[in-house]
Amino acid sequence: MFNIKYDKLNKGVLHMEELEKRVREKFFEEKEYSKEHILKFIERIADFVTVNPKTQEVNIIKSKLTNKEKVGLVVIARFLANQLEKTISSEVTIEEVVKYTRIDEPQVRARLSELVDENVLHRVAKGVYSVRSFPAIEKWVNNIIEKYSGEKG
């Protein structure tokens, strides 16, 4: 009799563990990404932007990008650079985005606001932005890569 109750209890514990695992996978947006996955992603985005590891400056390579794409890629590039070099800040100020994109400040502010509304970026503090989540930027960047695949410059 004791063994039967124990087995029922044990099945209940296993059921709860399985349920918790399913809920975590479904509910939590962030999953663990392997270093290989991140490196392959960075390799793909390097056709559009690069980051100087000494100055932390972002260089936009692809000239045909829209202003919104340029603004988003600057923030994303810094976030990804931080994944490789922790000394590089994952956050970017409005002033830095203006400098790297050569887009006037009101336009940069408007594009950042749109990207926040789209859950690609988030505002860390007044005038400071970062990436919302890896899944969000992955989808956003993949759309850009698809849009410009096969094009040069």
N, C-alpha and C. Protein backbone atom coordinates (compact mmCIF):
# COMPACT_ATOMS: atom_id res chain seq x y z
N MET A 1 0.82 -1.19 0.00
CA MET A 1 0.00 0.00 0.00
C MET A 1 0.87 1.26 0.00
N PHE A 2 1.91 1.26 0.81
CA PHE A 2 2.80 2.41 0.88
C PHE A 2 3.45 2.67 -0.47
N ASN A 3 3.86 1.58 -1.15
CA ASN A 3 4.50 1.73 -2.45
C ASN A 3 3.55 2.33 -3.48
N ILE A 4 2.29 1.97 -3.40
CA ILE A 4 1.31 2.52 -4.34
C ILE A 4 1.17 4.02 -4.13
N LYS A 5 1.05 4.44 -2.88
CA LYS A 5 0.94 5.87 -2.60
C LYS A 5 2.21 6.59 -3.04
N TYR A 6 3.35 5.99 -2.79
CA TYR A 6 4.62 6.60 -3.18
C TYR A 6 4.68 6.76 -4.70
N ASP A 7 4.26 5.71 -5.42
CA ASP A 7 4.27 5.78 -6.88
C ASP A 7 3.35 6.88 -7.38
N LYS A 8 2.17 6.98 -6.78
CA LYS A 8 1.25 8.04 -7.17
C LYS A 8 1.86 9.41 -6.89
N LEU A 9 2.49 9.53 -5.73
CA LEU A 9 3.13 10.79 -5.37
C LEU A 9 4.27 11.08 -6.35
N ASN A 10 5.05 10.10 -6.64
CA ASN A 10 6.18 10.25 -7.55
C ASN A 10 5.69 10.67 -8.94
N LYS A 11 4.61 10.05 -9.41
CA LYS A 11 4.06 10.44 -10.70
C LYS A 11 3.58 11.88 -10.68
N GLY A 12 3.01 12.29 -9.55
CA GLY A 12 2.58 13.67 -9.40
C GLY A 12 3.74 14.63 -9.47
N VAL A 13 4.85 14.26 -8.86
CA VAL A 13 6.06 15.10 -8.89
C VAL A 13 6.59 15.18 -10.32
N LEU A 14 6.64 14.03 -11.00
CA LEU A 14 7.11 14.03 -12.38
C LEU A 14 6.20 14.86 -13.27
N HIS A 15 4.90 14.72 -13.04
CA HIS A 15 3.94 15.51 -13.82
C HIS A 15 4.19 17.01 -13.62
N MET A 16 4.43 17.43 -12.39
CA MET A 16 4.68 18.84 -12.11
C MET A 16 5.98 19.30 -12.77
N GLU A 17 7.00 18.46 -12.74
CA GLU A 17 8.27 18.82 -13.39
C GLU A 17 8.10 18.97 -14.90
N GLU A 18 7.36 18.04 -15.49
CA GLU A 18 7.10 18.11 -16.93
C GLU A 18 6.27 19.35 -17.27
N LEU A 19 5.27 19.61 -16.45
CA LEU A 19 4.43 20.78 -16.66
C LEU A 19 5.25 22.05 -16.55
N GLU A 20 6.07 22.12 -15.54
CA GLU A 20 6.91 23.31 -15.36
C GLU A 20 7.84 23.48 -16.55
N LYS A 21 8.44 22.41 -17.03
CA LYS A 21 9.33 22.48 -18.19
C LYS A 21 8.58 23.02 -19.41
N ARG A 22 7.38 22.49 -19.68
CA ARG A 22 6.57 22.95 -20.82
C ARG A 22 6.21 24.42 -20.67
N VAL A 23 5.80 24.81 -19.48
CA VAL A 23 5.42 26.20 -19.24
C VAL A 23 6.62 27.12 -19.45
N ARG A 24 7.77 26.75 -18.92
CA ARG A 24 8.97 27.58 -19.08
C ARG A 24 9.33 27.75 -20.56
N GLU A 25 9.28 26.65 -21.32
CA GLU A 25 9.62 26.72 -22.74
C GLU A 25 8.64 27.60 -23.50
N LYS A 26 7.39 27.54 -23.13
CA LYS A 26 6.36 28.31 -23.83
C LYS A 26 6.30 29.76 -23.37
N PHE A 27 6.46 29.99 -22.08
CA PHE A 27 6.24 31.30 -21.49
C PHE A 27 7.45 32.22 -21.59
N PHE A 28 8.65 31.71 -21.27
CA PHE A 28 9.83 32.56 -21.26
C PHE A 28 10.34 32.75 -22.68
N GLU A 29 10.49 34.00 -23.06
CA GLU A 29 10.91 34.34 -24.41
C GLU A 29 12.36 33.96 -24.67
N GLU A 30 13.20 34.22 -23.72
CA GLU A 30 14.62 33.98 -23.90
C GLU A 30 14.94 32.50 -23.76
N LYS A 31 15.63 31.99 -24.73
CA LYS A 31 16.16 30.64 -24.62
C LYS A 31 17.67 30.76 -24.71
N GLU A 32 18.33 29.72 -24.32
CA GLU A 32 19.78 29.74 -24.38
C GLU A 32 20.23 29.59 -25.83
N TYR A 33 21.07 30.47 -26.28
CA TYR A 33 21.62 30.38 -27.62
C TYR A 33 23.07 29.97 -27.51
N SER A 34 23.45 29.01 -28.31
CA SER A 34 24.84 28.55 -28.28
C SER A 34 25.74 29.64 -28.85
N LYS A 35 26.98 29.59 -28.47
CA LYS A 35 27.95 30.55 -28.99
C LYS A 35 28.04 30.42 -30.51
N GLU A 36 27.94 29.19 -31.00
CA GLU A 36 27.98 28.96 -32.44
C GLU A 36 26.82 29.66 -33.14
N HIS A 37 25.63 29.58 -32.57
CA HIS A 37 24.44 30.23 -33.15
C HIS A 37 24.65 31.75 -33.21
N ILE A 38 25.13 32.31 -32.14
CA ILE A 38 25.37 33.76 -32.08
C ILE A 38 26.44 34.17 -33.08
N LEU A 39 27.52 33.39 -33.18
CA LEU A 39 28.59 33.70 -34.13
C LEU A 39 28.10 33.65 -35.57
N LYS A 40 27.30 32.65 -35.90
CA LYS A 40 26.75 32.55 -37.26
C LYS A 40 25.84 33.74 -37.56
N PHE A 41 25.09 34.17 -36.55
CA PHE A 41 24.21 35.33 -36.72
C PHE A 41 25.04 36.59 -36.94
N ILE A 42 26.08 36.76 -36.17
CA ILE A 42 26.96 37.93 -36.32
C ILE A 42 27.62 37.92 -37.70
N GLU A 43 28.01 36.75 -38.15
CA GLU A 43 28.62 36.64 -39.47
C GLU A 43 27.66 37.13 -40.56
N ARG A 44 26.40 36.83 -40.42
CA ARG A 44 25.39 37.27 -41.39
C ARG A 44 25.15 38.78 -41.34
N ILE A 45 25.15 39.33 -40.15
CA ILE A 45 24.88 40.77 -40.01
C ILE A 45 26.10 41.61 -40.41
N ALA A 46 27.27 40.98 -40.44
CA ALA A 46 28.51 41.70 -40.78
C ALA A 46 28.53 42.17 -42.23
N ASP A 47 27.60 41.70 -43.05
CA ASP A 47 27.47 42.23 -44.41
C ASP A 47 26.78 43.59 -44.43
N PHE A 48 26.23 43.97 -43.29
CA PHE A 48 25.49 45.23 -43.18
C PHE A 48 26.17 46.25 -42.27
N VAL A 49 26.72 45.78 -41.15
CA VAL A 49 27.36 46.66 -40.16
C VAL A 49 28.56 45.96 -39.54
N THR A 50 29.51 46.77 -39.09
CA THR A 50 30.65 46.26 -38.32
C THR A 50 30.85 47.17 -37.11
N VAL A 51 31.61 46.68 -36.14
CA VAL A 51 31.89 47.45 -34.93
C VAL A 51 33.40 47.48 -34.71
N ASN A 52 33.93 48.65 -34.44
CA ASN A 52 35.34 48.79 -34.09
C ASN A 52 35.49 48.43 -32.61
N PRO A 53 36.22 47.38 -32.28
CA PRO A 53 36.30 46.95 -30.88
C PRO A 53 37.04 47.95 -29.97
N LYS A 54 37.88 48.79 -30.54
CA LYS A 54 38.62 49.77 -29.72
C LYS A 54 37.79 51.00 -29.42
N THR A 55 37.07 51.51 -30.43
CA THR A 55 36.30 52.74 -30.25
C THR A 55 34.82 52.49 -29.98
N GLN A 56 34.36 51.26 -30.21
CA GLN A 56 32.96 50.86 -30.10
C GLN A 56 32.07 51.52 -31.15
N GLU A 57 32.68 52.15 -32.14
CA GLU A 57 31.90 52.81 -33.19
C GLU A 57 31.35 51.78 -34.17
N VAL A 58 30.14 52.05 -34.63
CA VAL A 58 29.46 51.17 -35.57
C VAL A 58 29.58 51.77 -36.97
N ASN A 59 29.95 50.93 -37.92
CA ASN A 59 30.10 51.36 -39.32
C ASN A 59 29.04 50.65 -40.16
N ILE A 60 28.22 51.44 -40.83
CA ILE A 60 27.19 50.88 -41.71
C ILE A 60 27.81 50.65 -43.08
N ILE A 61 27.79 49.41 -43.53
CA ILE A 61 28.41 49.03 -44.79
C ILE A 61 27.43 49.15 -45.95
N LYS A 62 26.22 48.71 -45.76
CA LYS A 62 25.21 48.65 -46.82
C LYS A 62 24.54 50.02 -46.94
N SER A 63 24.75 50.70 -48.04
CA SER A 63 24.25 52.07 -48.20
C SER A 63 22.77 52.15 -48.53
N LYS A 64 22.18 51.09 -49.06
CA LYS A 64 20.78 51.15 -49.51
C LYS A 64 19.77 50.94 -48.38
N LEU A 65 20.20 50.78 -47.17
CA LEU A 65 19.30 50.56 -46.04
C LEU A 65 18.40 51.77 -45.81
N THR A 66 17.20 51.53 -45.32
CA THR A 66 16.32 52.63 -44.93
C THR A 66 16.86 53.23 -43.63
N ASN A 67 16.40 54.42 -43.28
CA ASN A 67 16.82 55.04 -42.03
C ASN A 67 16.48 54.16 -40.83
N LYS A 68 15.31 53.58 -40.84
CA LYS A 68 14.89 52.71 -39.74
C LYS A 68 15.80 51.49 -39.63
N GLU A 69 16.16 50.90 -40.76
CA GLU A 69 17.07 49.75 -40.74
C GLU A 69 18.45 50.15 -40.21
N LYS A 70 18.93 51.31 -40.64
CA LYS A 70 20.24 51.78 -40.15
C LYS A 70 20.22 51.98 -38.64
N VAL A 71 19.19 52.64 -38.15
CA VAL A 71 19.08 52.91 -36.72
C VAL A 71 19.01 51.60 -35.93
N GLY A 72 18.16 50.70 -36.36
CA GLY A 72 18.03 49.42 -35.68
C GLY A 72 19.32 48.62 -35.70
N LEU A 73 19.97 48.59 -36.84
CA LEU A 73 21.20 47.81 -36.97
C LEU A 73 22.34 48.36 -36.12
N VAL A 74 22.36 49.66 -35.92
CA VAL A 74 23.39 50.24 -35.04
C VAL A 74 23.25 49.69 -33.62
N VAL A 75 22.03 49.71 -33.11
CA VAL A 75 21.79 49.21 -31.75
C VAL A 75 22.05 47.71 -31.68
N ILE A 76 21.59 46.99 -32.67
CA ILE A 76 21.76 45.53 -32.71
C ILE A 76 23.23 45.16 -32.82
N ALA A 77 23.97 45.89 -33.64
CA ALA A 77 25.40 45.61 -33.81
C ALA A 77 26.16 45.76 -32.49
N ARG A 78 25.83 46.81 -31.75
CA ARG A 78 26.50 47.00 -30.46
C ARG A 78 26.15 45.88 -29.49
N PHE A 79 24.89 45.47 -29.47
CA PHE A 79 24.47 44.36 -28.62
C PHE A 79 25.24 43.09 -28.98
N LEU A 80 25.34 42.80 -30.26
CA LEU A 80 26.05 41.60 -30.69
C LEU A 80 27.55 41.69 -30.41
N ALA A 81 28.11 42.88 -30.58
CA ALA A 81 29.53 43.07 -30.28
C ALA A 81 29.80 42.77 -28.80
N ASN A 82 28.85 43.18 -27.96
CA ASN A 82 28.95 42.91 -26.52
C ASN A 82 28.93 41.41 -26.22
N GLN A 83 28.27 40.63 -27.07
CA GLN A 83 28.23 39.18 -26.87
C GLN A 83 29.60 38.56 -27.09
N LEU A 84 30.44 39.23 -27.91
CA LEU A 84 31.80 38.75 -28.17
C LEU A 84 32.82 39.39 -27.25
N GLU A 85 32.63 40.66 -26.98
CA GLU A 85 33.57 41.44 -26.16
C GLU A 85 32.79 42.17 -25.08
N LYS A 86 32.86 41.69 -23.87
CA LYS A 86 32.07 42.30 -22.78
C LYS A 86 32.49 43.73 -22.48
N THR A 87 33.67 44.16 -22.94
CA THR A 87 34.11 45.53 -22.71
C THR A 87 33.36 46.52 -23.60
N ILE A 88 32.70 46.01 -24.65
CA ILE A 88 31.91 46.86 -25.54
C ILE A 88 30.50 46.97 -24.95
N SER A 89 30.04 48.19 -24.81
CA SER A 89 28.71 48.42 -24.24
C SER A 89 27.62 47.91 -25.17
N SER A 90 26.63 47.27 -24.60
CA SER A 90 25.49 46.80 -25.40
C SER A 90 24.45 47.91 -25.58
N GLU A 91 24.63 49.00 -24.89
CA GLU A 91 23.69 50.13 -24.96
C GLU A 91 24.24 51.22 -25.87
N VAL A 92 23.32 51.95 -26.50
CA VAL A 92 23.70 53.00 -27.43
C VAL A 92 22.88 54.25 -27.13
N THR A 93 23.54 55.39 -27.14
CA THR A 93 22.83 56.66 -26.92
C THR A 93 22.30 57.20 -28.26
N ILE A 94 21.35 58.09 -28.16
CA ILE A 94 20.82 58.74 -29.36
C ILE A 94 21.94 59.46 -30.10
N GLU A 95 22.81 60.11 -29.36
CA GLU A 95 23.92 60.84 -29.97
C GLU A 95 24.81 59.91 -30.79
N GLU A 96 25.06 58.70 -30.25
CA GLU A 96 25.88 57.74 -30.99
C GLU A 96 25.17 57.29 -32.27
N VAL A 97 23.88 57.04 -32.18
CA VAL A 97 23.13 56.60 -33.37
C VAL A 97 23.17 57.69 -34.43
N VAL A 98 23.00 58.94 -34.03
CA VAL A 98 23.09 60.07 -34.96
C VAL A 98 24.46 60.08 -35.63
N LYS A 99 25.50 59.93 -34.85
CA LYS A 99 26.88 59.96 -35.37
C LYS A 99 27.13 58.82 -36.36
N TYR A 100 26.72 57.60 -36.01
CA TYR A 100 27.02 56.43 -36.85
C TYR A 100 26.15 56.36 -38.09
N THR A 101 24.92 56.87 -38.02
CA THR A 101 24.01 56.77 -39.16
C THR A 101 24.04 58.02 -40.04
N ARG A 102 24.50 59.13 -39.47
CA ARG A 102 24.47 60.43 -40.16
C ARG A 102 23.04 60.85 -40.51
N ILE A 103 22.13 60.47 -39.63
CA ILE A 103 20.72 60.85 -39.78
C ILE A 103 20.43 61.89 -38.71
N ASP A 104 19.62 62.91 -39.03
CA ASP A 104 19.37 63.96 -38.04
C ASP A 104 18.62 63.40 -36.82
N GLU A 105 18.83 64.06 -35.70
CA GLU A 105 18.33 63.58 -34.41
C GLU A 105 16.82 63.35 -34.37
N PRO A 106 15.99 64.26 -34.87
CA PRO A 106 14.54 63.99 -34.82
C PRO A 106 14.16 62.69 -35.54
N GLN A 107 14.81 62.43 -36.67
CA GLN A 107 14.55 61.19 -37.41
C GLN A 107 15.01 59.97 -36.62
N VAL A 108 16.18 60.07 -35.98
CA VAL A 108 16.70 58.96 -35.17
C VAL A 108 15.74 58.69 -34.01
N ARG A 109 15.30 59.74 -33.34
CA ARG A 109 14.35 59.56 -32.23
C ARG A 109 13.06 58.88 -32.70
N ALA A 110 12.56 59.29 -33.85
CA ALA A 110 11.33 58.70 -34.38
C ALA A 110 11.52 57.23 -34.73
N ARG A 111 12.64 56.90 -35.36
CA ARG A 111 12.90 55.50 -35.73
C ARG A 111 13.12 54.63 -34.49
N LEU A 112 13.83 55.15 -33.50
CA LEU A 112 14.01 54.41 -32.24
C LEU A 112 12.67 54.14 -31.58
N SER A 113 11.82 55.15 -31.58
CA SER A 113 10.49 55.00 -30.98
C SER A 113 9.70 53.90 -31.70
N GLU A 114 9.76 53.89 -33.02
CA GLU A 114 9.08 52.84 -33.79
C GLU A 114 9.61 51.45 -33.43
N LEU A 115 10.92 51.33 -33.31
CA LEU A 115 11.53 50.04 -33.00
C LEU A 115 11.20 49.58 -31.58
N VAL A 116 11.03 50.53 -30.69
CA VAL A 116 10.58 50.20 -29.33
C VAL A 116 9.13 49.70 -29.39
N ASP A 117 8.30 50.42 -30.14
CA ASP A 117 6.89 50.02 -30.28
C ASP A 117 6.75 48.64 -30.92
N GLU A 118 7.70 48.27 -31.78
CA GLU A 118 7.68 46.97 -32.44
C GLU A 118 8.34 45.87 -31.60
N ASN A 119 8.78 46.23 -30.39
CA ASN A 119 9.44 45.29 -29.46
C ASN A 119 10.75 44.73 -29.98
N VAL A 120 11.43 45.49 -30.82
CA VAL A 120 12.76 45.10 -31.28
C VAL A 120 13.79 45.66 -30.30
N LEU A 121 13.60 46.91 -29.89
CA LEU A 121 14.50 47.58 -28.96
C LEU A 121 13.73 47.97 -27.71
N HIS A 122 14.49 48.36 -26.68
CA HIS A 122 13.84 48.96 -25.52
C HIS A 122 14.69 50.12 -25.01
N ARG A 123 14.00 51.05 -24.41
CA ARG A 123 14.66 52.23 -23.86
C ARG A 123 15.14 51.88 -22.47
N VAL A 124 16.45 51.92 -22.27
CA VAL A 124 17.07 51.58 -20.99
C VAL A 124 16.95 52.75 -20.02
N ALA A 125 17.19 53.92 -20.55
CA ALA A 125 17.11 55.18 -19.78
C ALA A 125 16.84 56.27 -20.81
N LYS A 126 16.66 57.48 -20.34
CA LYS A 126 16.39 58.58 -21.27
C LYS A 126 17.55 58.70 -22.26
N GLY A 127 17.24 58.52 -23.54
CA GLY A 127 18.24 58.66 -24.59
C GLY A 127 19.18 57.48 -24.75
N VAL A 128 18.89 56.36 -24.09
CA VAL A 128 19.76 55.17 -24.15
C VAL A 128 18.92 53.96 -24.53
N TYR A 129 19.40 53.21 -25.53
CA TYR A 129 18.63 52.08 -26.06
C TYR A 129 19.48 50.82 -26.12
N SER A 130 18.77 49.69 -26.09
CA SER A 130 19.40 48.39 -26.24
C SER A 130 18.41 47.45 -26.91
N VAL A 131 18.83 46.23 -27.10
CA VAL A 131 18.00 45.21 -27.73
C VAL A 131 17.00 44.66 -26.72
N ARG A 132 15.77 44.42 -27.16
CA ARG A 132 14.75 43.84 -26.27
C ARG A 132 15.05 42.38 -25.98
N SER A 133 15.27 41.58 -27.04
CA SER A 133 15.57 40.16 -26.86
C SER A 133 16.23 39.62 -28.12
N PHE A 134 16.96 38.55 -27.97
CA PHE A 134 17.60 37.95 -29.13
C PHE A 134 16.58 37.46 -30.15
N PRO A 135 15.50 36.78 -29.74
CA PRO A 135 14.51 36.34 -30.73
C PRO A 135 13.91 37.50 -31.54
N ALA A 136 13.70 38.62 -30.91
CA ALA A 136 13.12 39.77 -31.60
C ALA A 136 14.07 40.31 -32.67
N ILE A 137 15.35 40.44 -32.33
CA ILE A 137 16.29 40.98 -33.32
C ILE A 137 16.58 39.95 -34.40
N GLU A 138 16.55 38.68 -34.04
CA GLU A 138 16.82 37.64 -35.03
C GLU A 138 15.77 37.70 -36.15
N LYS A 139 14.53 37.80 -35.77
CA LYS A 139 13.44 37.88 -36.75
C LYS A 139 13.57 39.16 -37.58
N TRP A 140 13.82 40.28 -36.91
CA TRP A 140 13.91 41.57 -37.58
C TRP A 140 15.07 41.59 -38.57
N VAL A 141 16.24 41.11 -38.13
CA VAL A 141 17.43 41.10 -39.00
C VAL A 141 17.24 40.11 -40.15
N ASN A 142 16.64 38.96 -39.88
CA ASN A 142 16.41 38.00 -40.96
C ASN A 142 15.55 38.59 -42.07
N ASN A 143 14.58 39.43 -41.70
CA ASN A 143 13.76 40.11 -42.71
C ASN A 143 14.60 41.06 -43.56
N ILE A 144 15.55 41.74 -42.94
CA ILE A 144 16.44 42.65 -43.68
C ILE A 144 17.35 41.84 -44.60
N ILE A 145 17.93 40.78 -44.08
CA ILE A 145 18.82 39.95 -44.89
C ILE A 145 18.07 39.41 -46.11
N GLU A 146 16.86 38.95 -45.89
CA GLU A 146 16.05 38.42 -47.00
C GLU A 146 15.75 39.52 -48.01
N LYS A 147 15.42 40.70 -47.52
CA LYS A 147 15.09 41.83 -48.39
C LYS A 147 16.25 42.20 -49.32
N TYR A 148 17.47 42.16 -48.78
CA TYR A 148 18.63 42.62 -49.55
C TYR A 148 19.49 41.48 -50.09
N SER A 149 19.06 40.26 -49.95
CA SER A 149 19.89 39.14 -50.42
C SER A 149 20.14 39.27 -51.92
N GLY A 150 21.38 39.07 -52.29
CA GLY A 150 21.76 39.17 -53.71
C GLY A 150 22.16 40.55 -54.16
N GLU A 151 21.87 41.55 -53.33
CA GLU A 151 22.26 42.93 -53.71
C GLU A 151 23.66 43.25 -53.22
N LYS A 152 24.32 44.18 -53.89
CA LYS A 152 25.63 44.66 -53.44
C LYS A 152 25.49 46.13 -53.10
N GLY A 153 26.29 46.54 -52.06
CA GLY A 153 26.31 47.96 -51.67
C GLY A 153 25.03 48.35 -51.14
